[in-house]
Amino acid sequence: DYELIKTVTLTPELNAKVEAKDLKYTKDNNTNYNSVSLEITPKLSVAYKPISKFTVSANAELPITLDNSRVDTTDNKKKFEFRNVQIKPSVNVKYEW
């Protein structure tokens, strides 16, 4: 027995992750070893249920990473900058009987 439903659900998300490592500082040569990275991940999920026992869902994540791992050669200090971006899609189909 199937019922016509036509339900669409959109779910936006935003996640952020900060990681700090190598937390050191030396006064003798004024060297800063701090490494910080920031990952911001927007995500959008869509679920469509055309009938009562059938669901199609999809989501896409777009992790954006920023960090200060590169040392600028002009002043020998780390600069916070864009590192990379990825696209992570996913599609699922669910049928119940």
PDB file of N, CA and C in Angstrom:
ATOM      1  N   ASP A   1       0.845  -1.186   0.000  1.00  0.00           N
ATOM      2  CA  ASP A   1       0.000   0.000   0.000  1.00  0.00           C
ATOM      3  C   ASP A   1       0.887   1.244   0.000  1.00  0.00           C
ATOM      4  N   TYR A   2       0.735   2.073  -0.999  1.00  0.00           N
ATOM      5  CA  TYR A   2       1.570   3.269  -1.128  1.00  0.00           C
ATOM      6  C   TYR A   2       0.711   4.515  -1.065  1.00  0.00           C
ATOM      7  N   GLU A   3       1.208   5.509  -0.351  1.00  0.00           N
ATOM      8  CA  GLU A   3       0.542   6.809  -0.288  1.00  0.00           C
ATOM      9  C   GLU A   3       1.427   7.842  -0.952  1.00  0.00           C
ATOM     10  N   LEU A   4       0.813   8.758  -1.659  1.00  0.00           N
ATOM     11  CA  LEU A   4       1.544   9.853  -2.274  1.00  0.00           C
ATOM     12  C   LEU A   4       1.825  10.910  -1.204  1.00  0.00           C
ATOM     13  N   ILE A   5       3.098  11.207  -0.969  1.00  0.00           N
ATOM     14  CA  ILE A   5       3.446  12.136   0.106  1.00  0.00           C
ATOM     15  C   ILE A   5       4.089  13.413  -0.429  1.00  0.00           C
ATOM     16  N   LYS A   6       5.121  13.282  -1.274  1.00  0.00           N
ATOM     17  CA  LYS A   6       5.854  14.419  -1.839  1.00  0.00           C
ATOM     18  C   LYS A   6       6.434  15.335  -0.762  1.00  0.00           C
ATOM     19  N   THR A   7       7.217  14.793   0.118  1.00  0.00           N
ATOM     20  CA  THR A   7       7.862  15.578   1.165  1.00  0.00           C
ATOM     21  C   THR A   7       9.320  15.831   0.798  1.00  0.00           C
ATOM     22  N   VAL A   8       9.716  17.103   0.832  1.00  0.00           N
ATOM     23  CA  VAL A   8      11.109  17.490   0.594  1.00  0.00           C
ATOM     24  C   VAL A   8      11.619  18.181   1.856  1.00  0.00           C
ATOM     25  N   THR A   9      12.767  17.726   2.340  1.00  0.00           N
ATOM     26  CA  THR A   9      13.367  18.313   3.536  1.00  0.00           C
ATOM     27  C   THR A   9      14.772  18.805   3.201  1.00  0.00           C
ATOM     28  N   LEU A  10      15.032  20.075   3.469  1.00  0.00           N
ATOM     29  CA  LEU A  10      16.360  20.664   3.301  1.00  0.00           C
ATOM     30  C   LEU A  10      16.940  20.923   4.686  1.00  0.00           C
ATOM     31  N   THR A  11      18.179  20.497   4.909  1.00  0.00           N
ATOM     32  CA  THR A  11      18.821  20.703   6.205  1.00  0.00           C
ATOM     33  C   THR A  11      20.211  21.299   6.002  1.00  0.00           C
ATOM     34  N   PRO A  12      20.382  22.588   6.302  1.00  0.00           N
ATOM     35  CA  PRO A  12      21.718  23.189   6.213  1.00  0.00           C
ATOM     36  C   PRO A  12      22.473  23.002   7.527  1.00  0.00           C
ATOM     37  N   GLU A  13      23.786  22.865   7.445  1.00  0.00           N
ATOM     38  CA  GLU A  13      24.653  22.748   8.623  1.00  0.00           C
ATOM     39  C   GLU A  13      25.922  23.546   8.379  1.00  0.00           C
ATOM     40  N   LEU A  14      26.558  23.948   9.477  1.00  0.00           N
ATOM     41  CA  LEU A  14      27.865  24.588   9.397  1.00  0.00           C
ATOM     42  C   LEU A  14      28.679  24.101  10.583  1.00  0.00           C
ATOM     43  N   ASN A  15      29.799  23.450  10.301  1.00  0.00           N
ATOM     44  CA  ASN A  15      30.680  22.945  11.350  1.00  0.00           C
ATOM     45  C   ASN A  15      32.030  23.641  11.237  1.00  0.00           C
ATOM     46  N   ALA A  16      32.677  23.846  12.387  1.00  0.00           N
ATOM     47  CA  ALA A  16      34.008  24.447  12.412  1.00  0.00           C
ATOM     48  C   ALA A  16      34.882  23.655  13.362  1.00  0.00           C
ATOM     49  N   LYS A  17      36.133  23.457  12.956  1.00  0.00           N
ATOM     50  CA  LYS A  17      37.096  22.726  13.787  1.00  0.00           C
ATOM     51  C   LYS A  17      38.399  23.518  13.812  1.00  0.00           C
ATOM     52  N   VAL A  18      38.921  23.765  15.014  1.00  0.00           N
ATOM     53  CA  VAL A  18      40.191  24.460  15.175  1.00  0.00           C
ATOM     54  C   VAL A  18      41.180  23.492  15.801  1.00  0.00           C
ATOM     55  N   GLU A  19      42.371  23.438  15.248  1.00  0.00           N
ATOM     56  CA  GLU A  19      43.419  22.561  15.775  1.00  0.00           C
ATOM     57  C   GLU A  19      44.686  23.381  15.979  1.00  0.00           C
ATOM     58  N   ALA A  20      45.258  23.298  17.178  1.00  0.00           N
ATOM     59  CA  ALA A  20      46.512  23.984  17.475  1.00  0.00           C
ATOM     60  C   ALA A  20      47.535  22.939  17.903  1.00  0.00           C
ATOM     61  N   LYS A  21      48.754  23.064  17.380  1.00  0.00           N
ATOM     62  CA  LYS A  21      49.808  22.119  17.744  1.00  0.00           C
ATOM     63  C   LYS A  21      51.156  22.829  17.698  1.00  0.00           C
ATOM     64  N   ASP A  22      52.172  22.173  18.203  1.00  0.00           N
ATOM     65  CA  ASP A  22      53.533  22.731  18.255  1.00  0.00           C
ATOM     66  C   ASP A  22      53.555  24.091  18.942  1.00  0.00           C
ATOM     67  N   LEU A  23      52.942  24.179  20.098  1.00  0.00           N
ATOM     68  CA  LEU A  23      52.858  25.453  20.809  1.00  0.00           C
ATOM     69  C   LEU A  23      54.170  25.731  21.538  1.00  0.00           C
ATOM     70  N   LYS A  24      55.095  26.382  20.847  1.00  0.00           N
ATOM     71  CA  LYS A  24      56.413  26.693  21.403  1.00  0.00           C
ATOM     72  C   LYS A  24      56.810  28.109  21.003  1.00  0.00           C
ATOM     73  N   TYR A  25      57.621  28.721  21.837  1.00  0.00           N
ATOM     74  CA  TYR A  25      58.162  30.035  21.519  1.00  0.00           C
ATOM     75  C   TYR A  25      59.540  30.145  22.150  1.00  0.00           C
ATOM     76  N   THR A  26      60.525  30.528  21.390  1.00  0.00           N
ATOM     77  CA  THR A  26      61.862  30.700  21.937  1.00  0.00           C
ATOM     78  C   THR A  26      62.257  32.169  21.862  1.00  0.00           C
ATOM     79  N   LYS A  27      62.710  32.718  22.991  1.00  0.00           N
ATOM     80  CA  LYS A  27      63.088  34.138  23.046  1.00  0.00           C
ATOM     81  C   LYS A  27      64.432  34.408  22.376  1.00  0.00           C
ATOM     82  N   ASP A  28      65.346  33.440  22.428  1.00  0.00           N
ATOM     83  CA  ASP A  28      66.703  33.692  21.934  1.00  0.00           C
ATOM     84  C   ASP A  28      66.748  34.034  20.442  1.00  0.00           C
ATOM     85  N   ASN A  29      65.944  33.374  19.634  1.00  0.00           N
ATOM     86  CA  ASN A  29      65.940  33.719  18.205  1.00  0.00           C
ATOM     87  C   ASN A  29      64.565  34.177  17.723  1.00  0.00           C
ATOM     88  N   ASN A  30      63.674  34.475  18.662  1.00  0.00           N
ATOM     89  CA  ASN A  30      62.353  35.027  18.343  1.00  0.00           C
ATOM     90  C   ASN A  30      61.590  34.143  17.351  1.00  0.00           C
ATOM     91  N   THR A  31      61.626  32.837  17.568  1.00  0.00           N
ATOM     92  CA  THR A  31      60.976  31.885  16.672  1.00  0.00           C
ATOM     93  C   THR A  31      59.648  31.433  17.265  1.00  0.00           C
ATOM     94  N   ASN A  32      58.626  31.445  16.451  1.00  0.00           N
ATOM     95  CA  ASN A  32      57.295  31.037  16.859  1.00  0.00           C
ATOM     96  C   ASN A  32      56.959  29.726  16.150  1.00  0.00           C
ATOM     97  N   TYR A  33      56.717  28.646  16.920  1.00  0.00           N
ATOM     98  CA  TYR A  33      56.415  27.339  16.337  1.00  0.00           C
ATOM     99  C   TYR A  33      54.930  27.003  16.365  1.00  0.00           C
ATOM    100  N   ASN A  34      54.081  27.928  16.677  1.00  0.00           N
ATOM    101  CA  ASN A  34      52.651  27.645  16.764  1.00  0.00           C
ATOM    102  C   ASN A  34      52.080  27.303  15.392  1.00  0.00           C
ATOM    103  N   SER A  35      51.350  26.197  15.337  1.00  0.00           N
ATOM    104  CA  SER A  35      50.660  25.816  14.110  1.00  0.00           C
ATOM    105  C   SER A  35      49.168  25.735  14.416  1.00  0.00           C
ATOM    106  N   VAL A  36      48.398  26.491  13.686  1.00  0.00           N
ATOM    107  CA  VAL A  36      46.952  26.536  13.889  1.00  0.00           C
ATOM    108  C   VAL A  36      46.277  26.261  12.551  1.00  0.00           C
ATOM    109  N   SER A  37      45.262  25.399  12.582  1.00  0.00           N
ATOM    110  CA  SER A  37      44.482  25.172  11.368  1.00  0.00           C
ATOM    111  C   SER A  37      42.997  25.334  11.706  1.00  0.00           C
ATOM    112  N   LEU A  38      42.264  25.817  10.746  1.00  0.00           N
ATOM    113  CA  LEU A  38      40.827  26.034  10.877  1.00  0.00           C
ATOM    114  C   LEU A  38      40.151  25.351   9.704  1.00  0.00           C
ATOM    115  N   GLU A  39      39.172  24.485  10.005  1.00  0.00           N
ATOM    116  CA  GLU A  39      38.393  23.833   8.951  1.00  0.00           C
ATOM    117  C   GLU A  39      36.937  24.231   9.124  1.00  0.00           C
ATOM    118  N   ILE A  40      36.393  24.868   8.112  1.00  0.00           N
ATOM    119  CA  ILE A  40      34.986  25.283   8.096  1.00  0.00           C
ATOM    120  C   ILE A  40      34.282  24.398   7.065  1.00  0.00           C
ATOM    121  N   THR A  41      33.191  23.737   7.503  1.00  0.00           N
ATOM    122  CA  THR A  41      32.506  22.792   6.614  1.00  0.00           C
ATOM    123  C   THR A  41      31.021  23.117   6.501  1.00  0.00           C
ATOM    124  N   PRO A  42      30.622  23.812   5.438  1.00  0.00           N
ATOM    125  CA  PRO A  42      29.194  23.950   5.174  1.00  0.00           C
ATOM    126  C   PRO A  42      28.659  22.650   4.573  1.00  0.00           C
ATOM    127  N   LYS A  43      27.427  22.294   4.943  1.00  0.00           N
ATOM    128  CA  LYS A  43      26.825  21.051   4.456  1.00  0.00           C
ATOM    129  C   LYS A  43      25.344  21.308   4.177  1.00  0.00           C
ATOM    130  N   LEU A  44      24.854  20.735   3.102  1.00  0.00           N
ATOM    131  CA  LEU A  44      23.439  20.815   2.768  1.00  0.00           C
ATOM    132  C   LEU A  44      22.933  19.412   2.486  1.00  0.00           C
ATOM    133  N   SER A  45      21.873  19.030   3.188  1.00  0.00           N
ATOM    134  CA  SER A  45      21.248  17.724   2.996  1.00  0.00           C
ATOM    135  C   SER A  45      19.846  17.922   2.444  1.00  0.00           C
ATOM    136  N   VAL A  46      19.466  17.039   1.503  1.00  0.00           N
ATOM    137  CA  VAL A  46      18.134  17.068   0.898  1.00  0.00           C
ATOM    138  C   VAL A  46      17.559  15.660   0.987  1.00  0.00           C
ATOM    139  N   ALA A  47      16.333  15.553   1.462  1.00  0.00           N
ATOM    140  CA  ALA A  47      15.635  14.269   1.492  1.00  0.00           C
ATOM    141  C   ALA A  47      14.294  14.445   0.787  1.00  0.00           C
ATOM    142  N   TYR A  48      14.001  13.544  -0.130  1.00  0.00           N
ATOM    143  CA  TYR A  48      12.759  13.605  -0.901  1.00  0.00           C
ATOM    144  C   TYR A  48      12.034  12.273  -0.724  1.00  0.00           C
ATOM    145  N   LYS A  49      10.779  12.349  -0.311  1.00  0.00           N
ATOM    146  CA  LYS A  49       9.963  11.153  -0.086  1.00  0.00           C
ATOM    147  C   LYS A  49       8.708  11.271  -0.951  1.00  0.00           C
ATOM    148  N   PRO A  50       8.767  10.757  -2.191  1.00  0.00           N
ATOM    149  CA  PRO A  50       7.620  10.898  -3.089  1.00  0.00           C
ATOM    150  C   PRO A  50       6.437  10.023  -2.690  1.00  0.00           C
ATOM    151  N   ILE A  51       6.735   8.839  -2.128  1.00  0.00           N
ATOM    152  CA  ILE A  51       5.684   7.939  -1.653  1.00  0.00           C
ATOM    153  C   ILE A  51       6.091   7.425  -0.276  1.00  0.00           C
ATOM    154  N   SER A  52       5.175   6.787   0.415  1.00  0.00           N
ATOM    155  CA  SER A  52       5.381   6.427   1.816  1.00  0.00           C
ATOM    156  C   SER A  52       6.548   5.482   2.080  1.00  0.00           C
ATOM    157  N   LYS A  53       6.947   4.658   1.139  1.00  0.00           N
ATOM    158  CA  LYS A  53       7.980   3.665   1.418  1.00  0.00           C
ATOM    159  C   LYS A  53       9.254   3.853   0.586  1.00  0.00           C
ATOM    160  N   PHE A  54       9.435   5.034   0.030  1.00  0.00           N
ATOM    161  CA  PHE A  54      10.585   5.294  -0.825  1.00  0.00           C
ATOM    162  C   PHE A  54      11.173   6.658  -0.490  1.00  0.00           C
ATOM    163  N   THR A  55      12.465   6.695  -0.166  1.00  0.00           N
ATOM    164  CA  THR A  55      13.140   7.945   0.184  1.00  0.00           C
ATOM    165  C   THR A  55      14.437   8.066  -0.597  1.00  0.00           C
ATOM    166  N   VAL A  56      14.660   9.218  -1.176  1.00  0.00           N
ATOM    167  CA  VAL A  56      15.920   9.538  -1.834  1.00  0.00           C
ATOM    168  C   VAL A  56      16.527  10.699  -1.070  1.00  0.00           C
ATOM    169  N   SER A  57      17.790  10.538  -0.687  1.00  0.00           N
ATOM    170  CA  SER A  57      18.448  11.625   0.039  1.00  0.00           C
ATOM    171  C   SER A  57      19.828  11.873  -0.549  1.00  0.00           C
ATOM    172  N   ALA A  58      20.289  13.087  -0.393  1.00  0.00           N
ATOM    173  CA  ALA A  58      21.614  13.471  -0.882  1.00  0.00           C
ATOM    174  C   ALA A  58      22.159  14.556   0.030  1.00  0.00           C
ATOM    175  N   ASN A  59      23.479  14.607   0.106  1.00  0.00           N
ATOM    176  CA  ASN A  59      24.085  15.712   0.827  1.00  0.00           C
ATOM    177  C   ASN A  59      25.414  16.059   0.173  1.00  0.00           C
ATOM    178  N   ALA A  60      25.855  17.257   0.441  1.00  0.00           N
ATOM    179  CA  ALA A  60      27.139  17.727  -0.076  1.00  0.00           C
ATOM    180  C   ALA A  60      27.829  18.529   1.016  1.00  0.00           C
ATOM    181  N   GLU A  61      29.095  18.199   1.249  1.00  0.00           N
ATOM    182  CA  GLU A  61      29.931  18.933   2.189  1.00  0.00           C
ATOM    183  C   GLU A  61      31.029  19.627   1.400  1.00  0.00           C
ATOM    184  N   LEU A  62      31.467  20.777   1.903  1.00  0.00           N
ATOM    185  CA  LEU A  62      32.511  21.547   1.242  1.00  0.00           C
ATOM    186  C   LEU A  62      33.534  22.008   2.291  1.00  0.00           C
ATOM    187  N   PRO A  63      34.392  21.085   2.782  1.00  0.00           N
ATOM    188  CA  PRO A  63      35.377  21.477   3.796  1.00  0.00           C
ATOM    189  C   PRO A  63      36.410  22.463   3.230  1.00  0.00           C
ATOM    190  N   ILE A  64      36.582  23.567   3.922  1.00  0.00           N
ATOM    191  CA  ILE A  64      37.544  24.601   3.543  1.00  0.00           C
ATOM    192  C   ILE A  64      38.572  24.676   4.660  1.00  0.00           C
ATOM    193  N   THR A  65      39.854  24.504   4.328  1.00  0.00           N
ATOM    194  CA  THR A  65      40.910  24.491   5.336  1.00  0.00           C
ATOM    195  C   THR A  65      41.807  25.713   5.193  1.00  0.00           C
ATOM    196  N   LEU A  66      42.043  26.361   6.323  1.00  0.00           N
ATOM    197  CA  LEU A  66      42.965  27.486   6.426  1.00  0.00           C
ATOM    198  C   LEU A  66      44.005  27.116   7.480  1.00  0.00           C
ATOM    199  N   ASP A  67      45.268  27.499   7.268  1.00  0.00           N
ATOM    200  CA  ASP A  67      46.276  27.250   8.302  1.00  0.00           C
ATOM    201  C   ASP A  67      47.444  28.219   8.176  1.00  0.00           C
ATOM    202  N   ASN A  68      48.358  28.105   9.125  1.00  0.00           N
ATOM    203  CA  ASN A  68      49.530  28.964   9.106  1.00  0.00           C
ATOM    204  C   ASN A  68      50.812  28.134   9.029  1.00  0.00           C
ATOM    205  N   SER A  69      50.819  27.107   8.212  1.00  0.00           N
ATOM    206  CA  SER A  69      51.974  26.218   8.127  1.00  0.00           C
ATOM    207  C   SER A  69      53.098  26.769   7.248  1.00  0.00           C
ATOM    208  N   ARG A  70      52.795  27.714   6.383  1.00  0.00           N
ATOM    209  CA  ARG A  70      53.821  28.262   5.485  1.00  0.00           C
ATOM    210  C   ARG A  70      54.502  29.463   6.131  1.00  0.00           C
ATOM    211  N   VAL A  71      55.815  29.497   6.064  1.00  0.00           N
ATOM    212  CA  VAL A  71      56.585  30.618   6.608  1.00  0.00           C
ATOM    213  C   VAL A  71      56.883  31.589   5.472  1.00  0.00           C
ATOM    214  N   ASP A  72      56.559  32.859   5.707  1.00  0.00           N
ATOM    215  CA  ASP A  72      56.832  33.896   4.709  1.00  0.00           C
ATOM    216  C   ASP A  72      58.334  34.199   4.716  1.00  0.00           C
ATOM    217  N   THR A  73      58.954  34.171   3.560  1.00  0.00           N
ATOM    218  CA  THR A  73      60.402  34.365   3.486  1.00  0.00           C
ATOM    219  C   THR A  73      60.819  35.825   3.696  1.00  0.00           C
ATOM    220  N   THR A  74      59.917  36.771   3.529  1.00  0.00           N
ATOM    221  CA  THR A  74      60.300  38.176   3.685  1.00  0.00           C
ATOM    222  C   THR A  74      60.526  38.564   5.147  1.00  0.00           C
ATOM    223  N   ASP A  75      59.679  38.068   6.051  1.00  0.00           N
ATOM    224  CA  ASP A  75      59.851  38.420   7.469  1.00  0.00           C
ATOM    225  C   ASP A  75      60.018  37.195   8.374  1.00  0.00           C
ATOM    226  N   ASN A  76      60.107  35.987   7.789  1.00  0.00           N
ATOM    227  CA  ASN A  76      60.331  34.736   8.522  1.00  0.00           C
ATOM    228  C   ASN A  76      59.241  34.448   9.557  1.00  0.00           C
ATOM    229  N   LYS A  77      58.009  34.846   9.265  1.00  0.00           N
ATOM    230  CA  LYS A  77      56.880  34.586  10.156  1.00  0.00           C
ATOM    231  C   LYS A  77      55.818  33.790   9.418  1.00  0.00           C
ATOM    232  N   LYS A  78      55.032  33.068  10.187  1.00  0.00           N
ATOM    233  CA  LYS A  78      53.957  32.275   9.592  1.00  0.00           C
ATOM    234  C   LYS A  78      52.772  33.167   9.237  1.00  0.00           C
ATOM    235  N   LYS A  79      52.178  32.878   8.107  1.00  0.00           N
ATOM    236  CA  LYS A  79      51.013  33.624   7.639  1.00  0.00           C
ATOM    237  C   LYS A  79      49.806  32.692   7.594  1.00  0.00           C
ATOM    238  N   PHE A  80      48.663  33.170   8.076  1.00  0.00           N
ATOM    239  CA  PHE A  80      47.421  32.402   8.043  1.00  0.00           C
ATOM    240  C   PHE A  80      46.838  32.530   6.648  1.00  0.00           C
ATOM    241  N   GLU A  81      46.619  31.390   5.953  1.00  0.00           N
ATOM    242  CA  GLU A  81      46.178  31.445   4.566  1.00  0.00           C
ATOM    243  C   GLU A  81      45.324  30.240   4.195  1.00  0.00           C
ATOM    244  N   PHE A  82      44.671  30.347   3.049  1.00  0.00           N
ATOM    245  CA  PHE A  82      43.863  29.273   2.490  1.00  0.00           C
ATOM    246  C   PHE A  82      44.760  28.094   2.141  1.00  0.00           C
ATOM    247  N   ARG A  83      44.333  26.875   2.500  1.00  0.00           N
ATOM    248  CA  ARG A  83      45.130  25.685   2.194  1.00  0.00           C
ATOM    249  C   ARG A  83      44.457  24.828   1.117  1.00  0.00           C
ATOM    250  N   ASN A  84      43.210  24.414   1.322  1.00  0.00           N
ATOM    251  CA  ASN A  84      42.534  23.607   0.305  1.00  0.00           C
ATOM    252  C   ASN A  84      41.029  23.583   0.530  1.00  0.00           C
ATOM    253  N   VAL A  85      40.329  23.035  -0.465  1.00  0.00           N
ATOM    254  CA  VAL A  85      38.887  22.851  -0.402  1.00  0.00           C
ATOM    255  C   VAL A  85      38.568  21.527  -1.090  1.00  0.00           C
ATOM    256  N   GLN A  86      37.566  20.832  -0.576  1.00  0.00           N
ATOM    257  CA  GLN A  86      37.155  19.553  -1.149  1.00  0.00           C
ATOM    258  C   GLN A  86      35.641  19.568  -1.340  1.00  0.00           C
ATOM    259  N   ILE A  87      35.161  18.695  -2.207  1.00  0.00           N
ATOM    260  CA  ILE A  87      33.725  18.494  -2.371  1.00  0.00           C
ATOM    261  C   ILE A  87      33.434  17.036  -2.029  1.00  0.00           C
ATOM    262  N   LYS A  88      32.523  16.823  -1.088  1.00  0.00           N
ATOM    263  CA  LYS A  88      32.181  15.463  -0.651  1.00  0.00           C
ATOM    264  C   LYS A  88      30.681  15.222  -0.849  1.00  0.00           C
ATOM    265  N   PRO A  89      30.279  14.697  -2.012  1.00  0.00           N
ATOM    266  CA  PRO A  89      28.859  14.407  -2.249  1.00  0.00           C
ATOM    267  C   PRO A  89      28.482  13.002  -1.793  1.00  0.00           C
ATOM    268  N   SER A  90      27.190  12.808  -1.541  1.00  0.00           N
ATOM    269  CA  SER A  90      26.671  11.496  -1.144  1.00  0.00           C
ATOM    270  C   SER A  90      25.207  11.404  -1.569  1.00  0.00           C
ATOM    271  N   VAL A  91      24.811  10.225  -2.083  1.00  0.00           N
ATOM    272  CA  VAL A  91      23.426   9.983  -2.479  1.00  0.00           C
ATOM    273  C   VAL A  91      22.987   8.640  -1.897  1.00  0.00           C
ATOM    274  N   ASN A  92      21.780   8.604  -1.331  1.00  0.00           N
ATOM    275  CA  ASN A  92      21.238   7.375  -0.746  1.00  0.00           C
ATOM    276  C   ASN A  92      19.808   7.159  -1.230  1.00  0.00           C
ATOM    277  N   VAL A  93      19.463   5.895  -1.444  1.00  0.00           N
ATOM    278  CA  VAL A  93      18.097   5.520  -1.815  1.00  0.00           C
ATOM    279  C   VAL A  93      17.633   4.466  -0.815  1.00  0.00           C
ATOM    280  N   LYS A  94      16.430   4.680  -0.269  1.00  0.00           N
ATOM    281  CA  LYS A  94      15.896   3.726   0.716  1.00  0.00           C
ATOM    282  C   LYS A  94      14.497   3.305   0.279  1.00  0.00           C
ATOM    283  N   TYR A  95      14.303   1.999   0.204  1.00  0.00           N
ATOM    284  CA  TYR A  95      12.998   1.451  -0.140  1.00  0.00           C
ATOM    285  C   TYR A  95      12.613   0.458   0.936  1.00  0.00           C
ATOM    286  N   GLU A  96      11.405   0.589   1.467  1.00  0.00           N
ATOM    287  CA  GLU A  96      10.904  -0.305   2.509  1.00  0.00           C
ATOM    288  C   GLU A  96       9.731  -1.113   1.961  1.00  0.00           C
ATOM    289  N   TRP A  97       9.660  -2.368   2.332  1.00  0.00           N
ATOM    290  CA  TRP A  97       8.496  -3.186   1.930  1.00  0.00           C
ATOM    291  C   TRP A  97       7.992  -3.972   3.073  1.00  0.00           C
TER     292      TRP A  97
END
